Amino acid sequence: VLEAYPCVELVDGTSMLANRPDILCGSLKHSVMEGVGGLCMALYIVGIPAGFLAIYLYGKKFQLLGFGNYHERFQFVYLRYQDRYKWWEVNLFVRRLIFCCISVGIQS
């Protein structure tokens, strides 16, 4: 996903992607690649934890967390946490997200 971003400037002043020399930086194809890459990163970074949170909150709302089919399918999301530590994963996620944003910002 991150391959869409690094551009290399040539001697004649044109710039192209480092990993795909056939695509000029700033072209429509490059912009589409950046957009799709950004969308995929956002879905991956936010979507997976949000999905796990939705599974947990749905099970808690309808009191399904310890029962039957729901428990068998989704226990991996919530079973390892005690009640007082259930939001610890959110804390870890936010720290990882901040670290990733800083590291990507430094490389840019």
C-alpha atoms as a PDB file:
ATOM      1  CA  VAL A   1       0.000   0.000   0.000  1.00  0.00           C
ATOM      2  CA  LEU A   2       2.797   2.421   0.856  1.00  0.00           C
ATOM      3  CA  GLU A   3       4.492   1.792  -2.505  1.00  0.00           C
ATOM      4  CA  ALA A   4       2.245   4.424  -4.115  1.00  0.00           C
ATOM      5  CA  TYR A   5       3.858   7.303  -2.272  1.00  0.00           C
ATOM      6  CA  PRO A   6       7.649   7.529  -2.779  1.00  0.00           C
ATOM      7  CA  CYS A   7       8.591   9.523  -5.866  1.00  0.00           C
ATOM      8  CA  VAL A   8      12.043   9.914  -7.379  1.00  0.00           C
ATOM      9  CA  GLU A   9      13.062  13.024  -9.307  1.00  0.00           C
ATOM     10  CA  LEU A  10      15.044  12.419 -12.479  1.00  0.00           C
ATOM     11  CA  VAL A  11      17.784  14.604 -13.974  1.00  0.00           C
ATOM     12  CA  ASP A  12      15.395  16.122 -16.519  1.00  0.00           C
ATOM     13  CA  GLY A  13      13.086  17.348 -13.703  1.00  0.00           C
ATOM     14  CA  THR A  14      10.302  14.795 -14.048  1.00  0.00           C
ATOM     15  CA  SER A  15       9.392  12.640 -11.087  1.00  0.00           C
ATOM     16  CA  MET A  16       8.075   9.120 -11.113  1.00  0.00           C
ATOM     17  CA  LEU A  17       7.263   6.421  -8.632  1.00  0.00           C
ATOM     18  CA  ALA A  18      10.313   4.691  -7.239  1.00  0.00           C
ATOM     19  CA  ASN A  19       8.796   1.226  -7.592  1.00  0.00           C
ATOM     20  CA  ARG A  20       6.824   1.848 -10.799  1.00  0.00           C
ATOM     21  CA  PRO A  21       8.862   4.009 -13.204  1.00  0.00           C
ATOM     22  CA  ASP A  22       6.067   3.889 -15.783  1.00  0.00           C
ATOM     23  CA  ILE A  23       3.811   6.074 -13.561  1.00  0.00           C
ATOM     24  CA  LEU A  24       4.521   9.797 -13.289  1.00  0.00           C
ATOM     25  CA  CYS A  25       4.009  11.436  -9.929  1.00  0.00           C
ATOM     26  CA  GLY A  26       1.024  13.747  -9.891  1.00  0.00           C
ATOM     27  CA  SER A  27      -0.683  11.928 -12.768  1.00  0.00           C
ATOM     28  CA  LEU A  28      -4.245  10.658 -12.539  1.00  0.00           C
ATOM     29  CA  LYS A  29      -3.060   7.081 -12.107  1.00  0.00           C
ATOM     30  CA  HIS A  30      -0.789   8.118  -9.237  1.00  0.00           C
ATOM     31  CA  SER A  31      -3.604  10.063  -7.558  1.00  0.00           C
ATOM     32  CA  VAL A  32      -5.920   7.053  -7.832  1.00  0.00           C
ATOM     33  CA  MET A  33      -3.236   4.827  -6.324  1.00  0.00           C
ATOM     34  CA  GLU A  34      -2.793   7.254  -3.418  1.00  0.00           C
ATOM     35  CA  GLY A  35      -6.527   7.452  -2.826  1.00  0.00           C
ATOM     36  CA  VAL A  36      -7.061   3.702  -2.887  1.00  0.00           C
ATOM     37  CA  GLY A  37      -3.995   3.145  -0.704  1.00  0.00           C
ATOM     38  CA  GLY A  38      -5.162   5.695   1.843  1.00  0.00           C
ATOM     39  CA  LEU A  39      -8.646   4.208   1.923  1.00  0.00           C
ATOM     40  CA  CYS A  40      -7.283   0.699   2.421  1.00  0.00           C
ATOM     41  CA  MET A  41      -5.014   1.847   5.243  1.00  0.00           C
ATOM     42  CA  ALA A  42      -7.890   3.655   6.940  1.00  0.00           C
ATOM     43  CA  LEU A  43     -10.149   0.606   6.660  1.00  0.00           C
ATOM     44  CA  TYR A  44      -7.445  -1.653   8.041  1.00  0.00           C
ATOM     45  CA  ILE A  45      -6.304   0.632  10.859  1.00  0.00           C
ATOM     46  CA  VAL A  46      -9.756   1.726  12.015  1.00  0.00           C
ATOM     47  CA  GLY A  47     -12.077  -0.928  10.595  1.00  0.00           C
ATOM     48  CA  ILE A  48     -10.710  -4.022  12.290  1.00  0.00           C
ATOM     49  CA  PRO A  49     -10.701  -2.589  15.839  1.00  0.00           C
ATOM     50  CA  ALA A  50     -14.088  -0.961  15.202  1.00  0.00           C
ATOM     51  CA  GLY A  51     -15.458  -4.323  14.065  1.00  0.00           C
ATOM     52  CA  PHE A  52     -14.180  -6.016  17.214  1.00  0.00           C
ATOM     53  CA  LEU A  53     -15.696  -3.250  19.322  1.00  0.00           C
ATOM     54  CA  ALA A  54     -19.040  -3.651  17.516  1.00  0.00           C
ATOM     55  CA  ILE A  55     -18.988  -7.415  18.155  1.00  0.00           C
ATOM     56  CA  TYR A  56     -18.303  -6.846  21.842  1.00  0.00           C
ATOM     57  CA  LEU A  57     -20.899  -4.095  22.299  1.00  0.00           C
ATOM     58  CA  TYR A  58     -23.571  -6.064  20.406  1.00  0.00           C
ATOM     59  CA  GLY A  59     -22.966  -9.121  22.560  1.00  0.00           C
ATOM     60  CA  LYS A  60     -23.023  -7.056  25.726  1.00  0.00           C
ATOM     61  CA  LYS A  61     -26.211  -5.185  24.743  1.00  0.00           C
ATOM     62  CA  PHE A  62     -28.149  -8.375  24.046  1.00  0.00           C
ATOM     63  CA  GLN A  63     -26.433 -10.374  26.842  1.00  0.00           C
ATOM     64  CA  LEU A  64     -24.911 -12.918  24.456  1.00  0.00           C
ATOM     65  CA  LEU A  65     -21.297 -12.826  25.676  1.00  0.00           C
ATOM     66  CA  GLY A  66     -21.299 -16.142  27.510  1.00  0.00           C
ATOM     67  CA  PHE A  67     -23.925 -18.108  25.651  1.00  0.00           C
ATOM     68  CA  GLY A  68     -24.252 -20.511  22.743  1.00  0.00           C
ATOM     69  CA  ASN A  69     -23.318 -19.797  19.161  1.00  0.00           C
ATOM     70  CA  TYR A  70     -22.283 -16.191  19.779  1.00  0.00           C
ATOM     71  CA  HIS A  71     -19.843 -17.259  22.458  1.00  0.00           C
ATOM     72  CA  GLU A  72     -18.334 -19.975  20.254  1.00  0.00           C
ATOM     73  CA  ARG A  73     -17.847 -17.618  17.296  1.00  0.00           C
ATOM     74  CA  PHE A  74     -16.646 -14.440  18.983  1.00  0.00           C
ATOM     75  CA  GLN A  75     -15.048 -15.418  22.287  1.00  0.00           C
ATOM     76  CA  PHE A  76     -11.610 -14.580  20.855  1.00  0.00           C
ATOM     77  CA  VAL A  77     -12.599 -10.887  20.914  1.00  0.00           C
ATOM     78  CA  TYR A  78     -13.517 -10.573  24.582  1.00  0.00           C
ATOM     79  CA  LEU A  79     -12.777 -13.748  26.552  1.00  0.00           C
ATOM     80  CA  ARG A  80      -9.196 -12.933  27.545  1.00  0.00           C
ATOM     81  CA  TYR A  81     -10.103  -9.631  29.227  1.00  0.00           C
ATOM     82  CA  GLN A  82     -11.442  -9.226  32.740  1.00  0.00           C
ATOM     83  CA  ASP A  83     -14.106  -6.553  33.239  1.00  0.00           C
ATOM     84  CA  ARG A  84     -11.746  -3.986  34.699  1.00  0.00           C
ATOM     85  CA  TYR A  85      -9.199  -4.455  31.871  1.00  0.00           C
ATOM     86  CA  LYS A  86     -11.545  -4.619  28.875  1.00  0.00           C
ATOM     87  CA  TRP A  87     -10.575  -1.156  27.552  1.00  0.00           C
ATOM     88  CA  TRP A  88      -6.841  -1.838  27.746  1.00  0.00           C
ATOM     89  CA  GLU A  89      -6.762  -2.955  24.093  1.00  0.00           C
ATOM     90  CA  VAL A  90      -8.139   0.456  23.090  1.00  0.00           C
ATOM     91  CA  ASN A  91      -5.259   2.092  24.957  1.00  0.00           C
ATOM     92  CA  LEU A  92      -2.737  -0.124  23.140  1.00  0.00           C
ATOM     93  CA  PHE A  93      -4.395   0.562  19.786  1.00  0.00           C
ATOM     94  CA  VAL A  94      -4.249   4.340  20.258  1.00  0.00           C
ATOM     95  CA  ARG A  95      -0.579   4.162  21.226  1.00  0.00           C
ATOM     96  CA  ARG A  96       0.247   2.048  18.166  1.00  0.00           C
ATOM     97  CA  LEU A  97      -1.709   4.401  15.920  1.00  0.00           C
ATOM     98  CA  ILE A  98       0.162   7.445  17.252  1.00  0.00           C
ATOM     99  CA  PHE A  99       3.491   5.659  16.848  1.00  0.00           C
ATOM    100  CA  CYS A 100       2.669   4.695  13.232  1.00  0.00           C
ATOM    101  CA  CYS A 101       1.582   8.232  12.372  1.00  0.00           C
ATOM    102  CA  ILE A 102       4.787   9.664  13.836  1.00  0.00           C
ATOM    103  CA  SER A 103       7.006   7.129  12.055  1.00  0.00           C
ATOM    104  CA  VAL A 104       5.300   7.705   8.701  1.00  0.00           C
ATOM    105  CA  GLY A 105       5.511  11.478   9.226  1.00  0.00           C
ATOM    106  CA  ILE A 106       9.233  11.279   9.955  1.00  0.00           C
ATOM    107  CA  GLN A 107       9.891   9.208   6.811  1.00  0.00           C
ATOM    108  CA  SER A 108       7.990  11.660   4.583  1.00  0.00           C
END
